[in-house]
């Protein structure tokens, strides 16, 4: 899933939801996190190139003599969290940048690759999810027409994010209650 949270700066509260979710997964608000290892190792950010994306999801690399030169990435599930999607669109505009093409391929079938002469890198069976934030003005100004035309933009689920009320003390922390046990059970069953 590629999810873009769209909302006004300061009133959209786009980052608050991620903060609460991360606390639940890591275990800061509950005695033991749902999956702190995955949360600490599989949430990444800073998309800057298609080659970088492939590298962080790469398969084992073997040279022509059959010697393993890179063990690759064992867990190919990544949640790419970008608090400023505007910077991602600006990177895509750089001449020769392959981020858009690699993100489309990752979304389509989880197989992405960079064909270079000396060290071709590929990632098969990769599962890259993207969660990013943007203001409506930035979305209109920065998503290039080519990204709309080439299908990049239609791979997103766009969600409007807006604060419903102003609370002087922030409304307190969520009460996780029974959701913790249910999430742990679902995760164990999925494994």
C-alpha atoms as a PDB file:
ATOM      1  CA  UNK A   1       0.000   0.000   0.000  1.00  0.00           C
ATOM      2  CA  UNK A   2       1.108   3.526  -0.762  1.00  0.00           C
ATOM      3  CA  UNK A   3      -0.720   5.991   1.454  1.00  0.00           C
ATOM      4  CA  UNK A   4      -0.478   9.753   1.205  1.00  0.00           C
ATOM      5  CA  UNK A   5      -1.857  11.720   4.144  1.00  0.00           C
ATOM      6  CA  UNK A   6      -2.956  15.101   2.825  1.00  0.00           C
ATOM      7  CA  UNK A   7      -3.707  17.921   5.226  1.00  0.00           C
ATOM      8  CA  UNK A   8      -2.898  21.474   6.189  1.00  0.00           C
ATOM      9  CA  UNK A   9       0.276  22.215   8.123  1.00  0.00           C
ATOM     10  CA  UNK A  10      -0.274  22.352  11.871  1.00  0.00           C
ATOM     11  CA  UNK A  11      -3.946  21.444  11.623  1.00  0.00           C
ATOM     12  CA  UNK A  12      -3.715  18.201   9.698  1.00  0.00           C
ATOM     13  CA  UNK A  13      -2.108  16.218  12.539  1.00  0.00           C
ATOM     14  CA  UNK A  14      -0.586  13.891   9.987  1.00  0.00           C
ATOM     15  CA  UNK A  15       2.357  12.871  12.195  1.00  0.00           C
ATOM     16  CA  UNK A  16       0.436  12.271  15.428  1.00  0.00           C
ATOM     17  CA  UNK A  17      -1.130   9.034  14.212  1.00  0.00           C
ATOM     18  CA  UNK A  18       2.251   7.568  13.285  1.00  0.00           C
ATOM     19  CA  UNK A  19       3.680   8.550  16.663  1.00  0.00           C
ATOM     20  CA  UNK A  20       0.960   6.674  18.553  1.00  0.00           C
ATOM     21  CA  UNK A  21       1.213   3.650  16.265  1.00  0.00           C
ATOM     22  CA  UNK A  22       5.001   3.525  16.590  1.00  0.00           C
ATOM     23  CA  UNK A  23       4.707   3.692  20.379  1.00  0.00           C
ATOM     24  CA  UNK A  24       2.279   0.777  20.322  1.00  0.00           C
ATOM     25  CA  UNK A  25       4.569  -1.294  18.100  1.00  0.00           C
ATOM     26  CA  UNK A  26       7.747  -0.453  20.046  1.00  0.00           C
ATOM     27  CA  UNK A  27       6.200  -0.830  23.467  1.00  0.00           C
ATOM     28  CA  UNK A  28       6.597   2.647  24.925  1.00  0.00           C
ATOM     29  CA  UNK A  29       2.962   3.012  25.965  1.00  0.00           C
ATOM     30  CA  UNK A  30       2.377  -0.660  26.775  1.00  0.00           C
ATOM     31  CA  UNK A  31       4.439  -3.058  28.853  1.00  0.00           C
ATOM     32  CA  UNK A  32       5.716  -4.926  25.808  1.00  0.00           C
ATOM     33  CA  UNK A  33       5.539  -3.814  22.199  1.00  0.00           C
ATOM     34  CA  UNK A  34       3.624  -5.646  19.516  1.00  0.00           C
ATOM     35  CA  UNK A  35       6.737  -6.082  17.346  1.00  0.00           C
ATOM     36  CA  UNK A  36       9.607  -3.794  18.416  1.00  0.00           C
ATOM     37  CA  UNK A  37      12.229  -5.558  16.258  1.00  0.00           C
ATOM     38  CA  UNK A  38      10.265  -5.045  13.053  1.00  0.00           C
ATOM     39  CA  UNK A  39       9.475  -1.474  14.022  1.00  0.00           C
ATOM     40  CA  UNK A  40      13.126  -0.658  14.725  1.00  0.00           C
ATOM     41  CA  UNK A  41      14.548  -2.422  11.662  1.00  0.00           C
ATOM     42  CA  UNK A  42      11.945  -2.086   8.920  1.00  0.00           C
ATOM     43  CA  UNK A  43      10.731   1.507   9.061  1.00  0.00           C
ATOM     44  CA  UNK A  44      12.992   3.615   6.877  1.00  0.00           C
ATOM     45  CA  UNK A  45      12.888   7.047   5.301  1.00  0.00           C
ATOM     46  CA  UNK A  46      14.874   9.358   3.104  1.00  0.00           C
ATOM     47  CA  UNK A  47      13.997   8.172  -0.392  1.00  0.00           C
ATOM     48  CA  UNK A  48      16.485   9.716  -2.771  1.00  0.00           C
ATOM     49  CA  UNK A  49      16.966   7.346  -5.699  1.00  0.00           C
ATOM     50  CA  UNK A  50      15.658   4.197  -7.300  1.00  0.00           C
ATOM     51  CA  UNK A  51      19.060   2.610  -6.782  1.00  0.00           C
ATOM     52  CA  UNK A  52      18.856   3.302  -3.049  1.00  0.00           C
ATOM     53  CA  UNK A  53      15.439   1.670  -2.855  1.00  0.00           C
ATOM     54  CA  UNK A  54      16.709  -1.451  -4.628  1.00  0.00           C
ATOM     55  CA  UNK A  55      19.784  -1.581  -2.397  1.00  0.00           C
ATOM     56  CA  UNK A  56      17.733  -1.579   0.829  1.00  0.00           C
ATOM     57  CA  UNK A  57      15.602  -4.476  -0.445  1.00  0.00           C
ATOM     58  CA  UNK A  58      18.364  -6.319  -2.338  1.00  0.00           C
ATOM     59  CA  UNK A  59      18.797 -10.031  -2.870  1.00  0.00           C
ATOM     60  CA  UNK A  60      21.993 -11.884  -2.095  1.00  0.00           C
ATOM     61  CA  UNK A  61      24.702 -11.019  -4.615  1.00  0.00           C
ATOM     62  CA  UNK A  62      27.029 -13.688  -5.975  1.00  0.00           C
ATOM     63  CA  UNK A  63      29.994 -12.999  -8.241  1.00  0.00           C
ATOM     64  CA  UNK A  64      30.675 -14.935 -11.428  1.00  0.00           C
ATOM     65  CA  UNK A  65      32.756 -17.471  -9.447  1.00  0.00           C
ATOM     66  CA  UNK A  66      29.795 -18.276  -7.178  1.00  0.00           C
ATOM     67  CA  UNK A  67      31.220 -16.434  -4.161  1.00  0.00           C
ATOM     68  CA  UNK A  68      28.713 -14.503  -2.068  1.00  0.00           C
ATOM     69  CA  UNK A  69      29.832 -10.885  -2.080  1.00  0.00           C
ATOM     70  CA  UNK A  70      26.770  -9.465  -0.298  1.00  0.00           C
ATOM     71  CA  UNK A  71      24.333 -11.411   1.857  1.00  0.00           C
ATOM     72  CA  UNK A  72      21.492  -9.110   0.875  1.00  0.00           C
ATOM     73  CA  UNK A  73      18.530  -8.185   3.025  1.00  0.00           C
ATOM     74  CA  UNK A  74      16.853 -11.020   4.913  1.00  0.00           C
ATOM     75  CA  UNK A  75      13.578  -9.260   5.765  1.00  0.00           C
ATOM     76  CA  UNK A  76      12.352  -7.522   2.627  1.00  0.00           C
ATOM     77  CA  UNK A  77       9.384  -5.814   4.261  1.00  0.00           C
ATOM     78  CA  UNK A  78       9.961  -2.073   4.498  1.00  0.00           C
ATOM     79  CA  UNK A  79       7.634   0.706   5.522  1.00  0.00           C
ATOM     80  CA  UNK A  80       9.013   3.835   3.922  1.00  0.00           C
ATOM     81  CA  UNK A  81       7.887   6.746   6.063  1.00  0.00           C
ATOM     82  CA  UNK A  82       8.330  10.172   4.505  1.00  0.00           C
ATOM     83  CA  UNK A  83       7.115  13.112   6.571  1.00  0.00           C
ATOM     84  CA  UNK A  84       7.681  15.435   3.611  1.00  0.00           C
ATOM     85  CA  UNK A  85       6.444  13.923   0.361  1.00  0.00           C
ATOM     86  CA  UNK A  86       7.336  17.211  -1.313  1.00  0.00           C
ATOM     87  CA  UNK A  87      11.031  16.315  -1.071  1.00  0.00           C
ATOM     88  CA  UNK A  88      10.297  12.957  -2.719  1.00  0.00           C
ATOM     89  CA  UNK A  89       8.664  14.704  -5.706  1.00  0.00           C
ATOM     90  CA  UNK A  90      11.585  17.119  -5.965  1.00  0.00           C
ATOM     91  CA  UNK A  91      14.027  14.190  -6.072  1.00  0.00           C
ATOM     92  CA  UNK A  92      11.994  12.561  -8.850  1.00  0.00           C
ATOM     93  CA  UNK A  93      12.418  15.685 -10.968  1.00  0.00           C
ATOM     94  CA  UNK A  94      16.206  15.335 -11.052  1.00  0.00           C
ATOM     95  CA  UNK A  95      17.511  14.291 -14.418  1.00  0.00           C
ATOM     96  CA  UNK A  96      18.274  10.561 -14.531  1.00  0.00           C
ATOM     97  CA  UNK A  97      16.574   9.779 -11.216  1.00  0.00           C
ATOM     98  CA  UNK A  98      14.814   6.399 -11.342  1.00  0.00           C
ATOM     99  CA  UNK A  99      12.857   6.628  -8.079  1.00  0.00           C
ATOM    100  CA  UNK A 100       9.448   6.924  -9.744  1.00  0.00           C
ATOM    101  CA  UNK A 101      10.051   3.948 -12.035  1.00  0.00           C
ATOM    102  CA  UNK A 102      11.395   1.770  -9.203  1.00  0.00           C
ATOM    103  CA  UNK A 103       8.497   2.716  -6.903  1.00  0.00           C
ATOM    104  CA  UNK A 104       6.011   1.769  -9.644  1.00  0.00           C
ATOM    105  CA  UNK A 105       7.761  -1.589 -10.161  1.00  0.00           C
ATOM    106  CA  UNK A 106       7.873  -2.276  -6.429  1.00  0.00           C
ATOM    107  CA  UNK A 107       4.142  -1.575  -6.208  1.00  0.00           C
ATOM    108  CA  UNK A 108       3.345  -3.728  -9.244  1.00  0.00           C
ATOM    109  CA  UNK A 109       5.115  -6.973  -8.386  1.00  0.00           C
ATOM    110  CA  UNK A 110       7.862  -6.499  -5.784  1.00  0.00           C
ATOM    111  CA  UNK A 111      10.636  -7.082  -8.309  1.00  0.00           C
ATOM    112  CA  UNK A 112      13.036  -4.203  -8.848  1.00  0.00           C
ATOM    113  CA  UNK A 113      16.529  -4.056 -10.246  1.00  0.00           C
ATOM    114  CA  UNK A 114      19.376  -1.814 -11.257  1.00  0.00           C
ATOM    115  CA  UNK A 115      21.391  -3.045 -14.205  1.00  0.00           C
ATOM    116  CA  UNK A 116      24.920  -1.756 -13.932  1.00  0.00           C
ATOM    117  CA  UNK A 117      27.981  -3.237 -15.561  1.00  0.00           C
ATOM    118  CA  UNK A 118      29.953  -4.191 -12.462  1.00  0.00           C
ATOM    119  CA  UNK A 119      27.400  -4.715  -9.709  1.00  0.00           C
ATOM    120  CA  UNK A 120      23.844  -5.319 -10.922  1.00  0.00           C
ATOM    121  CA  UNK A 121      21.510  -5.330  -7.936  1.00  0.00           C
ATOM    122  CA  UNK A 122      18.014  -6.771  -7.787  1.00  0.00           C
ATOM    123  CA  UNK A 123      15.332  -7.215  -5.202  1.00  0.00           C
ATOM    124  CA  UNK A 124      12.799  -9.977  -5.687  1.00  0.00           C
ATOM    125  CA  UNK A 125       9.738 -10.617  -3.531  1.00  0.00           C
ATOM    126  CA  UNK A 126      10.184  -7.219  -1.921  1.00  0.00           C
ATOM    127  CA  UNK A 127       7.314  -5.680   0.007  1.00  0.00           C
ATOM    128  CA  UNK A 128       7.687  -1.918   0.123  1.00  0.00           C
ATOM    129  CA  UNK A 129       4.892   0.152   1.646  1.00  0.00           C
ATOM    130  CA  UNK A 130       4.918   3.922   1.646  1.00  0.00           C
ATOM    131  CA  UNK A 131       3.351   6.330   4.104  1.00  0.00           C
ATOM    132  CA  UNK A 132       3.946   9.995   3.409  1.00  0.00           C
ATOM    133  CA  UNK A 133       2.621  13.427   4.368  1.00  0.00           C
ATOM    134  CA  UNK A 134       1.923  16.432   2.174  1.00  0.00           C
ATOM    135  CA  UNK A 135      -0.141  19.589   2.218  1.00  0.00           C
ATOM    136  CA  UNK A 136      -2.830  19.987  -0.457  1.00  0.00           C
ATOM    137  CA  UNK A 137      -0.995  22.965  -1.940  1.00  0.00           C
ATOM    138  CA  UNK A 138       2.259  21.006  -2.242  1.00  0.00           C
ATOM    139  CA  UNK A 139       0.456  18.063  -3.815  1.00  0.00           C
ATOM    140  CA  UNK A 140      -1.058  20.253  -6.534  1.00  0.00           C
ATOM    141  CA  UNK A 141       2.177  22.163  -7.174  1.00  0.00           C
ATOM    142  CA  UNK A 142       4.734  19.374  -6.914  1.00  0.00           C
ATOM    143  CA  UNK A 143       3.230  16.183  -8.292  1.00  0.00           C
ATOM    144  CA  UNK A 144       4.467  16.531 -11.849  1.00  0.00           C
ATOM    145  CA  UNK A 145       2.091  15.976 -14.740  1.00  0.00           C
ATOM    146  CA  UNK A 146       4.300  13.115 -15.878  1.00  0.00           C
ATOM    147  CA  UNK A 147       3.762  11.337 -12.521  1.00  0.00           C
ATOM    148  CA  UNK A 148       0.016  11.682 -13.022  1.00  0.00           C
ATOM    149  CA  UNK A 149       0.241  10.409 -16.604  1.00  0.00           C
ATOM    150  CA  UNK A 150       2.617   7.489 -15.997  1.00  0.00           C
ATOM    151  CA  UNK A 151       0.488   5.897 -13.290  1.00  0.00           C
ATOM    152  CA  UNK A 152       2.632   6.805 -10.302  1.00  0.00           C
ATOM    153  CA  UNK A 153      -0.061   8.976  -8.740  1.00  0.00           C
ATOM    154  CA  UNK A 154      -2.858   6.418  -9.094  1.00  0.00           C
ATOM    155  CA  UNK A 155      -0.999   3.876  -6.964  1.00  0.00           C
ATOM    156  CA  UNK A 156      -1.729   5.920  -3.824  1.00  0.00           C
ATOM    157  CA  UNK A 157      -4.586   5.872  -1.387  1.00  0.00           C
ATOM    158  CA  UNK A 158      -5.073   9.561  -0.592  1.00  0.00           C
ATOM    159  CA  UNK A 159      -6.403  10.263   2.904  1.00  0.00           C
ATOM    160  CA  UNK A 160      -7.491  13.684   4.118  1.00  0.00           C
ATOM    161  CA  UNK A 161      -6.136  14.442   7.596  1.00  0.00           C
ATOM    162  CA  UNK A 162      -7.576  17.271   9.693  1.00  0.00           C
ATOM    163  CA  UNK A 163      -7.698  17.971  13.396  1.00  0.00           C
ATOM    164  CA  UNK A 164     -11.333  17.685  14.548  1.00  0.00           C
ATOM    165  CA  UNK A 165     -10.957  19.871  17.644  1.00  0.00           C
ATOM    166  CA  UNK A 166      -8.390  21.775  19.650  1.00  0.00           C
ATOM    167  CA  UNK A 167      -7.712  20.317  23.097  1.00  0.00           C
ATOM    168  CA  UNK A 168      -5.541  22.341  25.509  1.00  0.00           C
ATOM    169  CA  UNK A 169      -3.769  19.258  26.861  1.00  0.00           C
ATOM    170  CA  UNK A 170      -3.704  17.306  23.613  1.00  0.00           C
ATOM    171  CA  UNK A 171      -6.460  14.863  24.557  1.00  0.00           C
ATOM    172  CA  UNK A 172      -4.178  12.406  26.372  1.00  0.00           C
ATOM    173  CA  UNK A 173      -2.727   9.131  25.169  1.00  0.00           C
ATOM    174  CA  UNK A 174      -4.843   6.456  23.502  1.00  0.00           C
ATOM    175  CA  UNK A 175      -6.125   3.686  25.728  1.00  0.00           C
ATOM    176  CA  UNK A 176      -4.924   0.544  24.036  1.00  0.00           C
ATOM    177  CA  UNK A 177      -6.936  -1.857  26.197  1.00  0.00           C
ATOM    178  CA  UNK A 178      -7.682  -5.144  24.497  1.00  0.00           C
ATOM    179  CA  UNK A 179      -6.282  -4.067  21.136  1.00  0.00           C
ATOM    180  CA  UNK A 180      -2.748  -5.041  22.228  1.00  0.00           C
ATOM    181  CA  UNK A 181      -3.651  -8.684  22.817  1.00  0.00           C
ATOM    182  CA  UNK A 182      -5.683  -8.868  19.620  1.00  0.00           C
ATOM    183  CA  UNK A 183      -2.842  -7.399  17.556  1.00  0.00           C
ATOM    184  CA  UNK A 184      -0.270  -9.762  19.078  1.00  0.00           C
ATOM    185  CA  UNK A 185      -2.560 -12.707  18.376  1.00  0.00           C
ATOM    186  CA  UNK A 186      -3.100 -11.614  14.751  1.00  0.00           C
ATOM    187  CA  UNK A 187       0.639 -11.118  14.245  1.00  0.00           C
ATOM    188  CA  UNK A 188       1.478 -14.540  15.683  1.00  0.00           C
ATOM    189  CA  UNK A 189      -1.162 -16.172  13.505  1.00  0.00           C
ATOM    190  CA  UNK A 190       0.168 -14.383  10.403  1.00  0.00           C
ATOM    191  CA  UNK A 191       3.686 -15.649  11.104  1.00  0.00           C
END
